[in-house]
N, C-alpha and C. Protein backbone atom coordinates (compact mmCIF):
# COMPACT_ATOMS: atom_id res chain seq x y z
N UNK A 1 90.53 48.44 56.81
CA UNK A 1 90.80 49.29 57.94
C UNK A 1 89.70 49.20 58.94
N UNK A 2 90.18 49.38 60.17
CA UNK A 2 89.17 49.37 61.23
C UNK A 2 88.56 50.72 61.50
N UNK A 3 87.46 50.74 62.32
CA UNK A 3 86.86 52.07 62.58
C UNK A 3 87.89 53.05 63.30
N UNK A 4 88.65 52.46 64.23
CA UNK A 4 89.63 53.36 64.95
C UNK A 4 90.62 53.90 63.99
N UNK A 5 91.12 53.09 63.07
CA UNK A 5 92.14 53.58 62.07
C UNK A 5 91.51 54.61 61.10
N UNK A 6 90.29 54.43 60.72
CA UNK A 6 89.68 55.48 59.86
C UNK A 6 89.49 56.77 60.67
N UNK A 7 89.11 56.64 61.93
CA UNK A 7 88.86 57.88 62.82
C UNK A 7 90.16 58.55 63.01
N UNK A 8 91.29 57.89 63.28
CA UNK A 8 92.55 58.58 63.49
C UNK A 8 93.06 59.13 62.14
N UNK A 9 92.84 58.49 61.06
CA UNK A 9 93.21 59.05 59.75
C UNK A 9 92.53 60.34 59.56
N UNK A 10 91.25 60.34 59.71
CA UNK A 10 90.35 61.50 59.51
C UNK A 10 90.80 62.65 60.40
N UNK A 11 91.05 62.33 61.67
CA UNK A 11 91.51 63.32 62.57
C UNK A 11 92.86 63.91 62.20
N UNK A 12 93.66 63.11 61.58
CA UNK A 12 94.89 63.70 61.17
C UNK A 12 94.88 64.50 59.91
N UNK A 13 94.00 64.03 58.94
CA UNK A 13 93.86 64.74 57.73
C UNK A 13 93.06 66.02 57.71
N UNK A 14 92.06 66.14 58.53
CA UNK A 14 91.24 67.28 58.53
C UNK A 14 92.02 68.63 58.85
N UNK A 15 92.92 68.65 59.87
CA UNK A 15 93.66 69.93 60.10
C UNK A 15 94.61 70.20 58.94
N UNK A 16 95.10 69.20 58.25
CA UNK A 16 95.92 69.48 57.12
C UNK A 16 95.10 70.12 55.97
N UNK A 17 93.95 69.64 55.74
CA UNK A 17 93.12 70.09 54.73
C UNK A 17 92.50 71.54 55.01
N UNK A 18 92.53 71.94 56.35
CA UNK A 18 91.85 73.15 56.74
C UNK A 18 92.97 74.20 57.04
N UNK A 19 94.06 74.20 56.46
CA UNK A 19 95.06 75.14 56.78
C UNK A 19 94.62 76.55 56.41
N UNK A 20 93.81 76.67 55.40
CA UNK A 20 93.34 77.99 54.89
C UNK A 20 91.83 78.24 55.19
N UNK A 21 91.19 77.16 55.53
CA UNK A 21 89.69 77.22 55.74
C UNK A 21 89.38 76.78 57.14
N UNK A 22 88.22 77.13 57.63
CA UNK A 22 87.75 76.62 58.91
C UNK A 22 87.52 75.15 58.90
N UNK A 23 88.04 74.47 59.93
CA UNK A 23 87.90 73.02 60.06
C UNK A 23 86.50 72.57 60.01
N UNK A 24 85.54 73.22 60.54
CA UNK A 24 84.20 72.78 60.48
C UNK A 24 83.62 72.94 59.07
N UNK A 25 84.07 73.90 58.29
CA UNK A 25 83.66 74.02 56.92
C UNK A 25 84.21 72.81 56.06
N UNK A 26 85.43 72.47 56.31
CA UNK A 26 86.04 71.34 55.60
C UNK A 26 85.30 70.12 55.99
N UNK A 27 84.97 69.88 57.23
CA UNK A 27 84.25 68.66 57.60
C UNK A 27 82.85 68.69 57.00
N UNK A 28 82.18 69.81 57.00
CA UNK A 28 80.87 69.96 56.44
C UNK A 28 80.86 69.64 54.92
N UNK A 29 81.83 70.12 54.28
CA UNK A 29 81.94 69.87 52.81
C UNK A 29 82.17 68.38 52.53
N UNK A 30 83.01 67.76 53.41
CA UNK A 30 83.27 66.29 53.34
C UNK A 30 82.03 65.52 53.48
N UNK A 31 81.15 65.86 54.57
CA UNK A 31 79.95 65.15 54.81
C UNK A 31 78.93 65.32 53.67
N UNK A 32 78.90 66.58 53.13
CA UNK A 32 78.01 66.76 52.01
C UNK A 32 78.44 65.87 50.75
N UNK A 33 79.73 65.91 50.49
CA UNK A 33 80.20 65.10 49.42
C UNK A 33 79.96 63.65 49.60
N UNK A 34 80.09 63.09 50.70
CA UNK A 34 79.84 61.78 51.02
C UNK A 34 78.39 61.43 50.87
N UNK A 35 77.53 62.30 51.26
CA UNK A 35 76.04 62.17 51.22
C UNK A 35 75.66 62.09 49.78
N UNK A 36 76.19 63.04 48.93
CA UNK A 36 75.81 63.04 47.54
C UNK A 36 76.35 61.82 46.83
N UNK A 37 77.50 61.35 47.14
CA UNK A 37 78.05 60.16 46.57
C UNK A 37 77.17 58.91 46.87
N UNK A 38 76.77 58.80 48.06
CA UNK A 38 75.94 57.69 48.51
C UNK A 38 74.60 57.71 47.74
N UNK A 39 73.98 58.94 47.73
CA UNK A 39 72.72 59.16 47.06
C UNK A 39 72.82 58.82 45.59
N UNK A 40 73.91 59.25 44.93
CA UNK A 40 74.08 58.97 43.54
C UNK A 40 74.27 57.45 43.26
N UNK A 41 74.78 56.78 44.21
CA UNK A 41 75.04 55.32 43.96
C UNK A 41 73.70 54.56 44.00
N UNK A 42 72.72 55.17 44.71
CA UNK A 42 71.43 54.57 44.82
C UNK A 42 70.49 55.05 43.70
N UNK A 43 70.45 56.33 43.50
CA UNK A 43 69.59 56.90 42.45
C UNK A 43 70.33 58.00 41.73
N UNK A 44 71.02 57.62 40.66
CA UNK A 44 71.76 58.57 39.90
C UNK A 44 70.95 59.78 39.40
N UNK A 45 71.39 60.98 39.53
CA UNK A 45 70.64 62.17 39.11
C UNK A 45 71.65 63.21 38.60
N UNK A 46 71.64 63.47 37.35
CA UNK A 46 72.56 64.39 36.75
C UNK A 46 72.48 65.85 37.32
N UNK A 47 71.30 66.25 37.66
CA UNK A 47 71.03 67.58 38.14
C UNK A 47 71.69 67.67 39.59
N UNK A 48 71.53 66.75 40.36
CA UNK A 48 72.07 66.79 41.73
C UNK A 48 73.56 66.62 41.59
N UNK A 49 74.13 65.82 40.62
CA UNK A 49 75.58 65.72 40.46
C UNK A 49 76.20 67.02 40.11
N UNK A 50 75.48 67.94 39.37
CA UNK A 50 76.05 69.21 38.99
C UNK A 50 76.29 70.18 40.20
N UNK A 51 75.61 69.91 41.33
CA UNK A 51 75.81 70.76 42.50
C UNK A 51 77.15 70.59 42.97
């Protein structure tokens, strides 16, 4: 997938995922999840994983 396609997919999915929650909260949770995933791939940490 290209950058533009990823961007449009994310822009389409965020409002669907935020039907009951604030869109910024959904995006914030997504960014946090991505950051933890990247960090775990570099240095696995069971304690951080439990968060």
